[in-house]
Amino acid sequence: MAYKGWHSRGYLPHFDSQDTVQFVTFRLADSLPAAALAKVRETLKAETLTEEILDKGYGACWLRRPDVAEVVEDAFLTFDGERYRLLAWTVMPNHVHVLFSPLPSFSLGTIVGSWKRYTARKSNELLGRTGIFWQADYWDRFIRNDEHFAATVGYIDNNPVKAGLADDARLWPWGSARFTAS
């Protein structure tokens, strides 16, 4: 498999390499209202503003349903050690964060695309609906060093606490923090 390095499939740049740990965020298609999207497009800190808006819980928040959240989490866990090494994750009501390292022969886009296609189909079945489930693209950042790795794991684990969904990251039922020692 040929890894793409830096590339773009539209407006977001991506870095694809088997030698990196990747932090990926993707969100439900309805998670950012039109007014919020306009604000995001106007700011220099789009990533930060997007995360703040997502944590407010806009949209249908289908991932709040335990059966739908379980589909997403199970998709992450299914190919851990086979296609990628899963390092941290959290399933929020309208978005997800995943930290992983692709294994040889599996690109970033292939892994994320597989998660999104499978979970969209299964979730739509559970919800009795059809149509677009996830936003078309995803946001990714490769991890640069040990400090960046630690900060990213902390961010992922504590996102439910920051959003007011849990008092302790280990109590959130849809994230890797619940598997860490106290």
Protein backbone atom coordinates (compact mmCIF):
# COMPACT_ATOMS: atom_id res chain seq x y z
CA MET A 1 0.00 0.00 0.00
CA ALA A 2 1.25 3.47 -0.84
CA TYR A 3 0.70 5.99 1.92
CA LYS A 4 -0.26 9.44 0.73
CA GLY A 5 1.71 11.64 3.14
CA TRP A 6 0.16 15.13 3.11
CA HIS A 7 -2.96 15.30 0.95
CA SER A 8 -6.40 16.86 0.81
CA ARG A 9 -9.79 15.51 -0.18
CA GLY A 10 -11.42 18.91 -0.07
CA TYR A 11 -10.88 21.62 2.50
CA LEU A 12 -9.12 19.63 5.26
CA PRO A 13 -5.47 18.57 4.93
CA HIS A 14 -4.59 15.04 6.06
CA PHE A 15 -1.30 13.30 6.81
CA ASP A 16 -1.26 9.58 6.09
CA SER A 17 1.65 7.40 7.21
CA GLN A 18 1.96 4.05 8.97
CA ASP A 19 4.69 5.57 11.14
CA THR A 20 2.43 7.97 13.01
CA VAL A 21 -0.10 7.98 15.78
CA GLN A 22 -3.24 9.75 14.59
CA PHE A 23 -5.82 11.74 16.54
CA VAL A 24 -9.10 11.73 14.60
CA THR A 25 -12.40 13.48 15.27
CA PHE A 26 -15.53 12.97 13.24
CA ARG A 27 -19.02 14.23 13.91
CA LEU A 28 -22.65 13.59 13.10
CA ALA A 29 -23.91 15.35 9.97
CA ASP A 30 -26.31 17.60 11.92
CA SER A 31 -23.98 18.46 14.83
CA LEU A 32 -23.12 22.01 13.78
CA PRO A 33 -26.02 24.38 13.00
CA ALA A 34 -25.63 26.74 10.02
CA ALA A 35 -24.93 29.76 12.27
CA ALA A 36 -22.17 27.84 14.06
CA LEU A 37 -20.61 26.74 10.76
CA ALA A 38 -20.53 30.36 9.62
CA LYS A 39 -18.75 31.35 12.85
CA VAL A 40 -16.23 28.52 12.42
CA ARG A 41 -15.44 29.64 8.85
CA GLU A 42 -14.76 33.20 10.06
CA THR A 43 -12.32 32.39 12.87
CA LEU A 44 -8.64 31.60 12.88
CA LYS A 45 -9.19 29.08 15.69
CA ALA A 46 -11.71 26.92 13.84
CA GLU A 47 -10.66 23.70 15.57
CA THR A 48 -11.10 25.12 19.07
CA LEU A 49 -14.41 26.77 18.27
CA THR A 50 -15.73 23.63 16.59
CA GLU A 51 -14.92 21.54 19.68
CA GLU A 52 -16.61 24.08 21.97
CA ILE A 53 -19.75 24.04 19.81
CA LEU A 54 -19.79 20.24 19.53
CA ASP A 55 -19.60 19.92 23.31
CA LYS A 56 -22.82 21.95 23.61
CA GLY A 57 -24.67 18.99 22.09
CA TYR A 58 -26.33 20.38 18.96
CA GLY A 59 -28.17 18.12 16.57
CA ALA A 60 -30.03 14.88 17.15
CA CYS A 61 -27.16 13.51 19.30
CA TRP A 62 -27.89 9.94 18.20
CA LEU A 63 -24.69 8.77 19.90
CA ARG A 64 -26.33 9.53 23.26
CA ARG A 65 -28.36 6.35 22.80
CA PRO A 66 -26.46 3.46 24.43
CA ASP A 67 -27.21 1.04 21.56
CA VAL A 68 -25.84 3.47 18.96
CA ALA A 69 -22.80 4.41 21.08
CA GLU A 70 -22.09 0.71 21.51
CA VAL A 71 -22.11 0.17 17.73
CA VAL A 72 -19.49 2.90 17.35
CA GLU A 73 -17.30 1.72 20.21
CA ASP A 74 -17.50 -1.90 19.04
CA ALA A 75 -16.41 -0.79 15.56
CA PHE A 76 -13.28 0.76 17.08
CA LEU A 77 -12.52 -2.34 19.13
CA THR A 78 -13.20 -4.91 16.39
CA PHE A 79 -10.01 -4.47 14.35
CA ASP A 80 -7.70 -3.30 17.13
CA GLY A 81 -4.41 -5.13 16.61
CA GLU A 82 -5.40 -6.19 13.10
CA ARG A 83 -5.75 -2.91 11.13
CA TYR A 84 -4.56 -0.43 13.76
CA ARG A 85 -3.48 -0.13 17.34
CA LEU A 86 -6.25 1.61 19.30
CA LEU A 87 -4.83 3.88 22.00
CA ALA A 88 -7.72 6.03 23.31
CA TRP A 89 -11.27 6.93 22.32
CA THR A 90 -14.48 8.53 23.48
CA VAL A 91 -17.95 8.50 21.96
CA MET A 92 -19.69 11.79 22.69
CA PRO A 93 -23.39 12.48 21.93
CA ASN A 94 -22.66 14.07 18.52
CA HIS A 95 -19.00 13.30 17.76
CA VAL A 96 -16.16 10.89 18.47
CA HIS A 97 -12.44 11.16 19.20
CA VAL A 98 -10.06 8.30 18.42
CA LEU A 99 -6.31 7.98 18.94
CA PHE A 100 -4.72 5.12 17.00
CA SER A 101 -1.74 4.01 14.98
CA PRO A 102 -2.43 2.42 11.56
CA LEU A 103 -0.76 -0.93 10.96
CA PRO A 104 1.01 -1.73 7.67
CA SER A 105 -1.31 -2.02 4.66
CA PHE A 106 -4.05 0.12 6.27
CA SER A 107 -4.21 3.84 5.57
CA LEU A 108 -5.79 6.53 7.72
CA GLY A 109 -8.57 7.14 5.19
CA THR A 110 -9.33 3.44 4.78
CA ILE A 111 -9.66 2.93 8.53
CA VAL A 112 -11.81 6.00 9.18
CA GLY A 113 -13.93 5.33 6.08
CA SER A 114 -14.58 1.78 7.24
CA TRP A 115 -15.65 2.96 10.70
CA LYS A 116 -17.96 5.59 9.28
CA ARG A 117 -19.60 3.39 6.63
CA TYR A 118 -20.23 0.49 9.00
CA THR A 119 -21.46 2.57 11.94
CA ALA A 120 -23.68 4.75 9.73
CA ARG A 121 -25.40 1.69 8.28
CA LYS A 122 -25.84 -0.07 11.65
CA SER A 123 -26.89 3.10 13.48
CA ASN A 124 -29.43 4.04 10.84
CA GLU A 125 -30.90 0.53 11.16
CA LEU A 126 -31.19 0.94 14.95
CA LEU A 127 -32.73 4.39 14.55
CA GLY A 128 -35.16 3.30 11.84
CA ARG A 129 -33.93 6.01 9.52
CA THR A 130 -32.10 6.49 6.25
CA GLY A 131 -29.85 9.28 5.09
CA ILE A 132 -26.56 10.85 5.93
CA PHE A 133 -25.32 9.97 9.41
CA TRP A 134 -21.76 11.37 9.61
CA GLN A 135 -20.29 14.59 8.27
CA ALA A 136 -18.48 13.80 5.02
CA ASP A 137 -14.94 14.57 6.16
CA TYR A 138 -13.03 14.14 9.40
CA TRP A 139 -10.39 16.09 11.27
CA ASP A 140 -7.04 14.49 11.99
CA ARG A 141 -3.73 15.42 13.53
CA PHE A 142 -0.65 13.26 13.78
CA ILE A 143 1.02 13.08 17.17
CA ARG A 144 4.37 14.83 17.23
CA ASN A 145 5.97 13.72 20.53
CA ASP A 146 5.34 12.22 23.98
CA GLU A 147 3.96 15.48 25.41
CA HIS A 148 1.52 15.84 22.53
CA PHE A 149 0.49 12.19 23.02
CA ALA A 150 -0.17 12.68 26.76
CA ALA A 151 -2.11 15.90 26.16
CA THR A 152 -4.23 14.22 23.48
CA VAL A 153 -5.07 11.22 25.67
CA GLY A 154 -6.00 13.64 28.45
CA TYR A 155 -8.19 15.64 26.08
CA ILE A 156 -9.97 12.52 24.79
CA ASP A 157 -10.49 11.02 28.23
CA ASN A 158 -11.71 14.27 29.80
CA ASN A 159 -13.97 15.46 26.99
CA PRO A 160 -17.12 14.01 28.68
CA VAL A 161 -16.16 15.77 31.93
CA LYS A 162 -15.50 19.08 30.16
CA ALA A 163 -18.88 18.78 28.40
CA GLY A 164 -20.66 18.15 31.73
CA LEU A 165 -21.63 14.56 30.87
CA ALA A 166 -19.67 12.84 33.67
CA ASP A 167 -18.05 13.86 36.94
CA ASP A 168 -15.07 11.59 36.35
CA ALA A 169 -13.70 10.43 32.99
CA ARG A 170 -13.62 6.83 34.23
CA LEU A 171 -17.40 6.94 34.73
CA TRP A 172 -18.16 7.73 31.07
CA PRO A 173 -19.44 4.44 29.58
CA TRP A 174 -18.23 5.03 26.00
CA GLY A 175 -14.54 5.77 26.33
CA SER A 176 -11.18 4.24 27.04
CA ALA A 177 -10.76 6.17 30.32
CA ARG A 178 -12.99 3.64 32.09
CA PHE A 179 -10.24 1.05 31.58
CA THR A 180 -7.54 3.11 33.32
CA ALA A 181 -6.58 2.59 36.94
CA SER A 182 -7.52 5.23 39.50
